[in-house]
Amino acid sequence: IIQRTKEGRANVLLDIGFEQELDKQFVIPISGAIAQPSLYINDCVLVRNYEGSVERWLPAIVYVLPHLYSLPPQFYTVQIHSSEIHLINARRNDLMKISRGLYQRICIYIQRVTPPVIIDDNKIVKKSDNEIRLEQIDAKIIALQQKLERMRKDEKKRYKNLEKKIDEQIAIMNDNKNHPSTILPETKSEFSQIPTPTRSPSTTPEIRPQNRSSQITPRSPTPPLTTERIIALGTYVVCRWEDDDGLFYPGEFVLALYSRNVSYWAPGVLIPNRTTKENKDEITVRFYDCKVVQMDMKAKEVIKIPEKKFEQYVDCIIQKEKSIVHQVVVGRKGETKTYMLGTVKERVEDGHHYRIEWYDGTEDIRDISQLYGAFTRQGTFQNKDKVLALDETEYKPATIIQVDKKSLSVQFFDSKREKIIPLEATFQITDEDYYKIIGKSIK
C-alpha cells in the first residue's frame, strides 16, 4: 500500500510493477502478527501460488485435512478455483482463511475476466455412473471422518474432566481418614437431659361419662356470610375508570397484520371506514407506508399500541430497510426457480422494493421478501427443512436430509442429486416459499 484515501480505498503497487486503486475490503495483510485459526473441510481460503517468479494468492476450498499425528510441516489439500479447477498440497503458512462472501466475489471476478473456452463436443468425456457414485461416496467418507475426529476430541475432553473429578473425590476421602478430628461428634440436645415426670395409677383421676343430652340447647340458623355491600342509589362514590373499553376509534395507533403470506405485522393508524355500507366488524388501517387495508376485528388482526411505541417501530423498520442498500444479497432473478448473488443499488417505490444489480450485469426490482443475506435470521437446522443451497454459482431450493455441525446434506428440488453444503452457503425458507418457488401447491 503506497497511499490511503478517505473514501475507503487505497493505492496499491503490485509486484509486477503496476499501480492500481482498490477497495480496502479487497486488501488483505500477509505479513506481521496474523492469526491462524483452525481450518476444517469446506473452509474458504487464499492459497499462495507461484507462476514463474510471480507470487499469486488464489481462492480455494479445503479438501483434505492433515493427519492428526503427522509430523510438521503439516500439509493441507485444497481445491483451487482459477481458470481451471485442480487440487494441490499447501502448508498452513501458505493458507489464509477468508469469508464465504469474499470467496464467492473473487470467483465471480475470475469468471468475468477469464475468456470462454471453446470445447469440441466430440472430445467431451462424460463420467460414468460408477465414477459419479464413487465421488459421492468419497465426499461422504470425508465428512464422516471429520465428524469422527470431532467426536474423539469431545470424548477425550469428557474423560479428562471425569478423571479430574474422581481424583478430587479420592483426595477428600483420604483427607477425612487422616484427620478424623475434623468430623464433629454427635451432640445431645439440652432438653434430652430433663426427666419426664411419671404418674402412678392411684393419682390419675377417673373420668366418668356424662349425659350431655340435657346440656345441648337448640341454636337458631346462622345466616350465610356475604361479601357484597349494598350501596343506596344517589350515593357519591369513587371508582376506577377503565381506559381500554375494547373499542377502536379513528386516530388510534395500532399494530396490524400487514401480509398474511409471511405473517408480517406493521404499525399503522386507524382512519374512518371508507366503505359506503357500514360494517361494525371491519376497521380501516393506514400503515406507515401509506398502504390502506380493511381489517377484521373478530380475527384479532389489530392490537392497540401507544404513540411512542408506534414511533419506535416506524423508525426501526425504516432504518432496517435503508441498511440493506449497498449490501450483497441473494435474490430470485426474474421468473426462474434459481437465486443468485447481487448488489442492492437503491430503495424504490414504497420502500419494500429494491433495485438489484446481478453479478452478470443485469438489473431487476425485487421485493424484500424475496431477498436473503446477512440481515436474514437463521434458526436451528433440522431434517426435512427447506433451504436455499448454493449449487455452483446459483442458489436453488433444496431439502435437508442430514445435519452436521459445519455442513448440511441436501437434495435439490429438480433432481435426486445430493450434495454436502457448508452452513454459511444456505438460507432457511418456509414450506410455503419452497412450493411457491418450484410452482407447486403445498403438500
Protein backbone atom coordinates (compact mmCIF):
# COMPACT_ATOMS: atom_id res chain seq x y z
CA ILE A 1 0.00 0.00 0.00
CA ILE A 2 1.52 3.32 -1.08
CA GLN A 3 -1.39 5.68 -0.34
CA ARG A 4 -4.74 5.65 1.50
CA THR A 5 -7.82 7.70 0.63
CA LYS A 6 -10.78 8.85 2.75
CA GLU A 7 -13.32 7.03 0.59
CA GLY A 8 -12.24 3.61 1.91
CA ARG A 9 -9.89 2.91 -0.99
CA ALA A 10 -6.13 2.55 -1.29
CA ASN A 11 -3.47 2.78 -4.00
CA VAL A 12 -1.51 -0.48 -4.22
CA LEU A 13 1.79 -1.09 -6.04
CA LEU A 14 1.73 -4.65 -7.40
CA ASP A 15 4.87 -6.81 -7.60
CA ILE A 16 4.65 -6.87 -11.39
CA GLY A 17 5.17 -3.09 -11.46
CA PHE A 18 1.63 -1.81 -11.99
CA GLU A 19 -0.18 0.60 -9.65
CA GLN A 20 -3.89 0.03 -9.00
CA GLU A 21 -6.62 1.63 -6.85
CA LEU A 22 -8.66 -0.91 -4.86
CA ASP A 23 -11.36 -1.01 -2.21
CA LYS A 24 -9.98 -1.81 1.26
CA GLN A 25 -12.15 -4.92 1.55
CA PHE A 26 -10.04 -6.48 -1.23
CA VAL A 27 -6.74 -5.67 0.54
CA ILE A 28 -5.58 -8.38 2.98
CA PRO A 29 -2.30 -8.18 5.00
CA ILE A 30 0.08 -11.16 4.57
CA SER A 31 2.91 -10.12 6.91
CA GLY A 32 3.26 -9.38 10.62
CA ALA A 33 1.34 -10.98 13.51
CA ILE A 34 -1.50 -12.68 11.63
CA ALA A 35 -3.84 -15.11 13.42
CA GLN A 36 -4.06 -18.63 12.03
CA PRO A 37 -7.44 -20.11 13.05
CA SER A 38 -8.15 -23.82 12.73
CA LEU A 39 -9.19 -24.99 9.28
CA TYR A 40 -11.90 -27.53 8.52
CA ILE A 41 -13.15 -29.21 5.36
CA ASN A 42 -15.07 -26.82 3.02
CA ASP A 43 -13.50 -23.72 4.63
CA CYS A 44 -12.65 -20.90 2.18
CA VAL A 45 -9.00 -19.83 1.97
CA LEU A 46 -6.49 -17.94 -0.15
CA VAL A 47 -3.52 -20.14 -1.13
CA ARG A 48 -0.06 -18.83 -2.09
CA ASN A 49 0.93 -19.95 -5.58
CA TYR A 50 3.83 -19.12 -7.89
CA GLU A 51 3.67 -18.76 -11.65
CA GLY A 52 7.29 -18.49 -12.64
CA SER A 53 8.73 -15.79 -10.36
CA VAL A 54 5.36 -14.07 -9.76
CA GLU A 55 3.62 -14.72 -6.43
CA ARG A 56 -0.17 -15.08 -6.57
CA TRP A 57 -2.92 -15.70 -4.00
CA LEU A 58 -5.79 -17.75 -5.42
CA PRO A 59 -9.18 -18.67 -3.88
CA ALA A 60 -9.51 -22.28 -2.77
CA ILE A 61 -11.55 -24.65 -0.59
CA VAL A 62 -10.04 -27.01 1.96
CA TYR A 63 -10.50 -30.54 0.58
CA VAL A 64 -8.48 -32.85 2.90
CA LEU A 65 -7.07 -32.14 6.38
CA PRO A 66 -3.62 -33.34 7.51
CA HIS A 67 -3.40 -36.42 9.70
CA LEU A 68 -3.76 -35.77 13.41
CA TYR A 69 -0.39 -37.36 14.28
CA SER A 70 1.57 -36.22 11.22
CA LEU A 71 4.93 -34.54 11.83
CA PRO A 72 5.44 -30.86 10.93
CA PRO A 73 5.22 -29.27 8.49
CA GLN A 74 1.61 -30.34 8.01
CA PHE A 75 0.15 -30.13 4.50
CA TYR A 76 -3.48 -29.36 3.57
CA THR A 77 -5.05 -30.50 0.29
CA VAL A 78 -7.02 -27.60 -1.23
CA GLN A 79 -9.07 -27.22 -4.39
CA ILE A 80 -8.01 -24.10 -6.29
CA HIS A 81 -10.57 -22.11 -8.26
CA SER A 82 -8.84 -20.25 -11.10
CA SER A 83 -9.08 -20.56 -14.86
CA GLU A 84 -9.20 -24.32 -14.18
CA ILE A 85 -10.02 -26.27 -11.01
CA HIS A 86 -7.35 -28.61 -9.60
CA LEU A 87 -6.02 -29.93 -6.27
CA ILE A 88 -2.69 -29.01 -4.67
CA ASN A 89 -0.97 -29.54 -1.31
CA ALA A 90 -0.02 -26.44 0.71
CA ARG A 91 1.45 -25.66 4.12
CA ARG A 92 -0.53 -23.81 6.77
CA ASN A 93 1.65 -20.70 6.41
CA ASP A 94 0.65 -20.51 2.74
CA LEU A 95 -3.09 -20.52 3.55
CA MET A 96 -5.20 -17.56 4.69
CA LYS A 97 -8.80 -18.12 5.85
CA ILE A 98 -11.44 -15.84 4.25
CA SER A 99 -15.23 -15.50 4.45
CA ARG A 100 -17.65 -17.28 2.14
CA GLY A 101 -18.89 -14.00 0.65
CA LEU A 102 -15.38 -12.81 -0.24
CA TYR A 103 -14.62 -16.21 -1.81
CA GLN A 104 -17.73 -16.01 -3.99
CA ARG A 105 -16.96 -12.45 -5.13
CA ILE A 106 -13.39 -13.45 -6.07
CA CYS A 107 -14.64 -16.49 -8.03
CA ILE A 108 -17.19 -14.35 -9.89
CA TYR A 109 -14.47 -11.83 -10.76
CA ILE A 110 -12.21 -14.62 -12.09
CA GLN A 111 -15.07 -15.94 -14.25
CA ARG A 112 -15.66 -12.45 -15.69
CA VAL A 113 -12.04 -11.80 -16.66
CA THR A 114 -11.38 -15.35 -17.94
CA PRO A 115 -12.17 -15.73 -21.67
CA PRO A 116 -14.62 -18.51 -22.55
CA VAL A 117 -13.07 -21.84 -23.53
CA ILE A 118 -14.35 -23.42 -26.73
CA ILE A 119 -14.75 -27.15 -26.23
CA ASP A 120 -15.26 -29.62 -29.00
CA ASP A 121 -18.38 -31.67 -28.24
CA ASN A 122 -16.82 -34.70 -29.88
CA LYS A 123 -13.96 -34.69 -27.36
CA ILE A 124 -16.09 -34.37 -24.23
CA VAL A 125 -15.52 -37.32 -21.95
CA LYS A 126 -18.54 -37.95 -19.77
CA LYS A 127 -18.12 -39.52 -16.37
CA SER A 128 -19.67 -42.90 -15.89
CA ASP A 129 -22.25 -43.60 -13.22
CA ASN A 130 -19.68 -45.56 -11.23
CA GLU A 131 -17.27 -42.61 -11.17
CA ILE A 132 -20.01 -40.22 -10.04
CA ARG A 133 -21.10 -42.69 -7.36
CA LEU A 134 -17.51 -43.10 -6.16
CA GLU A 135 -17.08 -39.32 -5.90
CA GLN A 136 -20.23 -39.06 -3.80
CA ILE A 137 -19.04 -41.90 -1.56
CA ASP A 138 -15.63 -40.21 -1.13
CA ALA A 139 -17.30 -36.95 -0.12
CA LYS A 140 -19.45 -38.77 2.46
CA ILE A 141 -16.40 -40.62 3.81
CA ILE A 142 -14.52 -37.34 4.27
CA ALA A 143 -17.48 -35.80 6.12
CA LEU A 144 -17.76 -38.87 8.37
CA GLN A 145 -14.03 -38.80 9.10
CA GLN A 146 -14.28 -35.16 10.13
CA LYS A 147 -17.29 -35.91 12.34
CA LEU A 148 -15.49 -38.90 13.93
CA GLU A 149 -12.46 -36.74 14.70
CA ARG A 150 -14.62 -34.16 16.47
CA MET A 151 -16.35 -36.93 18.46
CA ARG A 152 -12.97 -38.30 19.55
CA LYS A 153 -11.84 -34.89 20.76
CA ASP A 154 -15.09 -34.37 22.71
CA GLU A 155 -14.82 -37.85 24.26
CA LYS A 156 -11.22 -37.25 25.29
CA LYS A 157 -12.17 -33.93 26.88
CA ARG A 158 -15.04 -35.52 28.84
CA TYR A 159 -12.74 -38.34 30.01
CA LYS A 160 -10.19 -35.85 31.36
CA ASN A 161 -12.89 -33.91 33.24
CA LEU A 162 -14.25 -37.12 34.78
CA GLU A 163 -10.77 -38.27 35.77
CA LYS A 164 -10.13 -34.91 37.43
CA LYS A 165 -13.37 -35.12 39.45
CA ILE A 166 -12.55 -38.67 40.62
CA ASP A 167 -9.10 -37.56 41.80
CA GLU A 168 -10.68 -34.71 43.77
CA GLN A 169 -13.14 -37.09 45.46
CA ILE A 170 -10.34 -39.53 46.40
CA ALA A 171 -8.28 -36.68 47.86
CA ILE A 172 -11.23 -35.54 50.02
CA MET A 173 -11.82 -39.11 51.30
CA ASN A 174 -8.14 -39.57 52.19
CA ASP A 175 -8.10 -36.23 53.98
CA ASN A 176 -11.09 -37.26 56.12
CA LYS A 177 -9.37 -40.53 57.08
CA ASN A 178 -6.12 -38.82 58.06
CA HIS A 179 -7.86 -36.10 60.10
CA PRO A 180 -10.79 -37.70 61.96
CA SER A 181 -10.91 -34.78 64.43
CA THR A 182 -12.47 -32.63 61.76
CA ILE A 183 -15.62 -34.78 61.96
CA LEU A 184 -17.94 -33.23 64.54
CA PRO A 185 -19.14 -35.65 67.32
CA GLU A 186 -22.82 -36.23 67.77
CA THR A 187 -24.19 -33.81 70.40
CA LYS A 188 -27.20 -34.35 72.61
CA SER A 189 -29.90 -31.76 72.97
CA GLU A 190 -30.11 -29.91 76.26
CA PHE A 191 -33.74 -30.88 76.52
CA SER A 192 -32.91 -34.60 76.42
CA GLN A 193 -31.48 -34.39 79.97
CA ILE A 194 -34.77 -33.14 81.50
CA PRO A 195 -36.55 -36.15 83.11
CA THR A 196 -40.13 -36.83 82.08
CA PRO A 197 -42.46 -37.00 85.11
CA THR A 198 -44.30 -40.27 85.62
CA ARG A 199 -47.78 -40.71 87.04
CA SER A 200 -48.86 -43.53 89.33
CA PRO A 201 -52.19 -45.27 88.69
CA SER A 202 -53.55 -44.09 92.04
CA THR A 203 -53.03 -40.40 91.30
CA THR A 204 -54.70 -40.50 87.89
CA PRO A 205 -58.24 -39.06 88.18
CA GLU A 206 -61.07 -41.21 86.91
CA ILE A 207 -63.07 -39.74 84.06
CA ARG A 208 -66.74 -40.70 84.11
CA PRO A 209 -69.07 -40.33 81.10
CA GLN A 210 -71.71 -37.65 81.44
CA ASN A 211 -75.15 -37.34 79.94
CA ARG A 212 -74.76 -34.40 77.51
CA SER A 213 -78.26 -34.60 76.16
CA SER A 214 -79.51 -32.30 78.90
CA GLN A 215 -76.81 -29.72 78.20
CA ILE A 216 -77.48 -29.29 74.44
CA THR A 217 -79.57 -26.22 73.68
CA PRO A 218 -81.16 -25.58 70.31
CA ARG A 219 -79.48 -22.93 68.13
CA SER A 220 -81.03 -20.55 65.66
CA PRO A 221 -79.96 -20.98 62.00
CA THR A 222 -76.80 -18.98 61.16
CA PRO A 223 -77.28 -16.52 58.26
CA PRO A 224 -74.84 -17.09 55.36
CA LEU A 225 -71.86 -14.74 55.13
CA THR A 226 -71.92 -12.27 52.25
CA THR A 227 -69.16 -10.04 50.91
CA GLU A 228 -71.40 -7.77 48.84
CA ARG A 229 -72.03 -4.27 50.10
CA ILE A 230 -75.36 -2.74 49.39
CA ILE A 231 -74.95 0.86 48.14
CA ALA A 232 -78.00 3.03 48.09
CA LEU A 233 -78.95 4.94 44.98
CA GLY A 234 -77.77 8.56 44.92
CA THR A 235 -74.60 7.85 46.91
CA TYR A 236 -71.42 9.64 45.78
CA VAL A 237 -68.62 7.10 45.18
CA VAL A 238 -65.02 6.92 43.91
CA CYS A 239 -64.46 4.30 41.16
CA ARG A 240 -61.79 3.24 38.67
CA TRP A 241 -62.04 4.44 35.07
CA GLU A 242 -61.08 1.78 32.51
CA ASP A 243 -59.06 3.40 29.69
CA ASP A 244 -59.47 0.46 27.32
CA ASP A 245 -63.13 -0.17 26.60
CA GLY A 246 -62.34 -2.72 23.88
CA LEU A 247 -63.44 -0.40 21.06
CA PHE A 248 -61.40 1.12 18.22
CA TYR A 249 -61.56 4.81 17.37
CA PRO A 250 -60.11 6.74 14.37
CA GLY A 251 -56.71 8.25 15.12
CA GLU A 252 -55.54 5.44 17.43
CA PHE A 253 -52.18 3.77 16.82
CA VAL A 254 -52.22 0.01 16.21
CA LEU A 255 -50.06 -2.94 15.23
CA ALA A 256 -51.83 -4.85 12.44
CA LEU A 257 -51.23 -7.85 10.18
CA TYR A 258 -49.56 -6.42 7.06
CA SER A 259 -49.29 -9.57 4.95
CA ARG A 260 -50.84 -12.99 5.56
CA ASN A 261 -48.33 -14.72 3.28
CA VAL A 262 -45.31 -14.08 5.54
CA SER A 263 -47.15 -13.25 8.84
CA TYR A 264 -45.65 -9.76 8.87
CA TRP A 265 -47.07 -7.20 11.33
CA ALA A 266 -46.55 -3.46 10.88
CA PRO A 267 -47.53 -0.25 12.74
CA GLY A 268 -50.37 1.90 11.46
CA VAL A 269 -53.13 4.41 12.28
CA LEU A 270 -56.90 3.86 12.28
CA ILE A 271 -58.85 6.06 9.85
CA PRO A 272 -62.63 6.39 9.27
CA ASN A 273 -64.19 3.48 7.39
CA ARG A 274 -64.32 4.29 3.67
CA THR A 275 -66.94 1.71 2.71
CA THR A 276 -70.42 3.02 1.93
CA LYS A 277 -72.09 0.17 3.83
CA GLU A 278 -71.14 0.42 7.49
CA ASN A 279 -69.74 -2.83 8.87
CA LYS A 280 -69.21 -2.84 12.62
CA ASP A 281 -66.72 -5.73 12.44
CA GLU A 282 -64.33 -4.01 9.98
CA ILE A 283 -61.95 -1.11 10.52
CA THR A 284 -59.61 0.71 8.13
CA VAL A 285 -55.87 0.81 8.86
CA ARG A 286 -53.37 3.07 7.11
CA PHE A 287 -49.89 1.59 7.58
CA TYR A 288 -46.68 3.56 7.97
CA ASP A 289 -46.01 3.25 4.21
CA CYS A 290 -49.49 4.74 3.37
CA LYS A 291 -50.95 1.36 2.41
CA VAL A 292 -54.69 1.25 3.34
CA VAL A 293 -56.25 -2.12 4.28
CA GLN A 294 -59.64 -3.22 5.64
CA MET A 295 -59.12 -5.35 8.78
CA ASP A 296 -61.45 -7.75 10.57
CA MET A 297 -61.67 -7.11 14.32
CA LYS A 298 -63.01 -10.60 15.06
CA ALA A 299 -59.90 -12.20 13.52
CA LYS A 300 -57.72 -10.45 16.13
CA GLU A 301 -55.53 -8.90 13.44
CA VAL A 302 -55.25 -5.50 15.18
CA ILE A 303 -53.56 -4.61 18.51
CA LYS A 304 -53.57 -1.17 20.14
CA ILE A 305 -50.17 0.37 20.91
CA PRO A 306 -49.08 3.73 22.45
CA GLU A 307 -47.88 6.58 20.25
CA LYS A 308 -44.27 6.21 21.48
CA LYS A 309 -44.25 2.53 20.51
CA PHE A 310 -45.60 3.46 17.08
CA GLU A 311 -42.76 5.95 16.54
CA GLN A 312 -40.16 3.42 17.74
CA TYR A 313 -41.46 0.68 15.41
CA VAL A 314 -41.56 3.02 12.39
CA ASP A 315 -38.01 4.30 13.00
CA CYS A 316 -36.70 0.75 13.46
CA ILE A 317 -38.36 -0.55 10.26
CA ILE A 318 -37.20 2.38 8.10
CA GLN A 319 -33.62 2.13 9.39
CA LYS A 320 -33.66 -1.61 8.65
CA GLU A 321 -34.95 -1.04 5.11
CA LYS A 322 -32.29 1.62 4.46
CA SER A 323 -29.45 -0.55 5.83
CA ILE A 324 -29.96 -3.15 3.09
CA VAL A 325 -28.83 -0.68 0.38
CA HIS A 326 -25.31 -1.42 -0.99
CA GLN A 327 -25.31 -4.89 0.61
CA VAL A 328 -24.58 -8.15 -1.20
CA VAL A 329 -27.77 -10.23 -1.23
CA VAL A 330 -29.15 -13.44 -2.69
CA GLY A 331 -32.37 -12.94 -4.63
CA ARG A 332 -34.64 -14.51 -7.21
CA LYS A 333 -33.83 -13.40 -10.73
CA GLY A 334 -36.82 -12.95 -13.00
CA GLU A 335 -39.35 -15.78 -13.02
CA THR A 336 -36.72 -18.52 -12.77
CA LYS A 337 -36.58 -21.01 -9.91
CA THR A 338 -32.99 -20.11 -9.04
CA TYR A 339 -31.48 -17.41 -6.85
CA MET A 340 -28.15 -15.67 -7.45
CA LEU A 341 -25.83 -13.07 -5.96
CA GLY A 342 -26.45 -9.38 -6.48
CA THR A 343 -25.86 -5.92 -5.01
CA VAL A 344 -28.67 -3.63 -3.77
CA LYS A 345 -28.40 -0.31 -5.63
CA GLU A 346 -31.30 1.73 -4.26
CA ARG A 347 -34.64 1.62 -2.44
CA VAL A 348 -37.59 2.31 -4.77
CA GLU A 349 -41.39 2.61 -4.77
CA ASP A 350 -42.92 2.09 -1.29
CA GLY A 351 -39.62 1.24 0.40
CA HIS A 352 -40.13 -2.54 0.31
CA HIS A 353 -38.73 -2.89 -3.21
CA TYR A 354 -35.09 -2.58 -4.23
CA ARG A 355 -33.20 -2.25 -7.49
CA ILE A 356 -30.76 -5.19 -7.68
CA GLU A 357 -27.69 -5.42 -9.93
CA TRP A 358 -26.99 -9.12 -10.51
CA TYR A 359 -23.46 -10.47 -10.83
CA ASP A 360 -23.92 -10.89 -14.61
CA GLY A 361 -24.53 -7.11 -15.02
CA THR A 362 -28.33 -7.13 -15.44
CA GLU A 363 -30.72 -5.24 -13.13
CA ASP A 364 -34.12 -6.08 -11.66
CA ILE A 365 -36.55 -4.83 -8.99
CA ARG A 366 -37.34 -7.25 -6.17
CA ASP A 367 -39.48 -7.21 -3.01
CA ILE A 368 -37.71 -7.50 0.34
CA SER A 369 -39.46 -10.85 0.98
CA GLN A 370 -37.52 -12.33 -1.98
CA LEU A 371 -34.07 -11.24 -0.68
CA TYR A 372 -31.72 -13.06 1.67
CA GLY A 373 -28.39 -12.02 3.14
CA ALA A 374 -26.54 -11.07 6.32
CA PHE A 375 -29.75 -9.46 7.65
CA THR A 376 -31.63 -12.80 7.46
CA ARG A 377 -32.13 -14.61 10.76
CA GLN A 378 -31.03 -18.24 10.78
CA GLY A 379 -32.62 -20.77 13.12
CA THR A 380 -31.73 -24.35 14.01
CA PHE A 381 -31.47 -26.69 11.02
CA GLN A 382 -33.39 -29.98 11.12
CA ASN A 383 -34.01 -32.82 8.70
CA LYS A 384 -36.67 -32.15 6.02
CA ASP A 385 -36.32 -28.37 6.47
CA LYS A 386 -36.41 -26.27 3.29
CA VAL A 387 -33.38 -24.13 2.38
CA LEU A 388 -31.77 -22.20 -0.47
CA ALA A 389 -28.48 -24.03 -1.11
CA LEU A 390 -25.51 -22.96 -3.22
CA ASP A 391 -25.11 -25.03 -6.40
CA GLU A 392 -22.02 -23.86 -8.34
CA THR A 393 -22.82 -20.12 -8.89
CA GLU A 394 -26.59 -20.21 -8.19
CA TYR A 395 -28.81 -20.85 -5.17
CA LYS A 396 -31.56 -23.44 -5.61
CA PRO A 397 -34.37 -24.65 -3.31
CA ALA A 398 -33.49 -27.91 -1.59
CA THR A 399 -34.50 -30.21 1.29
CA ILE A 400 -32.18 -31.11 4.19
CA ILE A 401 -31.58 -34.86 4.53
CA GLN A 402 -28.76 -34.79 7.11
CA VAL A 403 -27.43 -32.16 9.54
CA ASP A 404 -23.82 -31.88 10.72
CA LYS A 405 -22.04 -29.26 12.82
CA LYS A 406 -20.37 -27.46 9.90
CA SER A 407 -22.29 -28.70 6.85
CA LEU A 408 -25.63 -29.94 5.53
CA SER A 409 -26.52 -32.77 3.17
CA VAL A 410 -29.27 -31.52 0.87
CA GLN A 411 -31.31 -32.82 -2.06
CA PHE A 412 -32.19 -30.29 -4.78
CA PHE A 413 -35.76 -29.90 -6.00
CA ASP A 414 -35.06 -30.59 -9.68
CA SER A 415 -33.36 -33.99 -9.25
CA LYS A 416 -32.40 -36.67 -6.76
CA ARG A 417 -28.87 -35.30 -6.72
CA GLU A 418 -27.42 -34.92 -3.21
CA LYS A 419 -24.68 -32.52 -2.17
CA ILE A 420 -22.84 -31.51 1.01
CA ILE A 421 -23.11 -27.73 1.55
CA PRO A 422 -21.46 -25.56 4.26
CA LEU A 423 -23.86 -23.90 6.70
CA GLU A 424 -22.74 -20.44 5.53
CA ALA A 425 -23.91 -21.20 1.97
CA THR A 426 -27.58 -21.84 2.89
CA PHE A 427 -30.62 -19.77 3.86
CA GLN A 428 -33.71 -21.11 5.63
CA ILE A 429 -37.08 -20.71 3.88
CA THR A 430 -40.60 -21.76 4.82
CA ASP A 431 -42.50 -24.63 3.21
CA GLU A 432 -44.87 -22.09 1.61
CA ASP A 433 -41.95 -20.24 -0.03
CA TYR A 434 -40.39 -23.53 -1.18
CA TYR A 435 -43.50 -24.76 -3.01
CA LYS A 436 -44.18 -21.25 -4.32
CA ILE A 437 -40.70 -21.15 -5.90
CA ILE A 438 -40.99 -24.55 -7.58
CA GLY A 439 -44.54 -23.79 -8.73
CA LYS A 440 -46.41 -26.50 -6.81
CA SER A 441 -49.12 -26.44 -4.17
CA ILE A 442 -48.07 -27.16 -0.58
CA LYS A 443 -48.37 -30.78 0.49
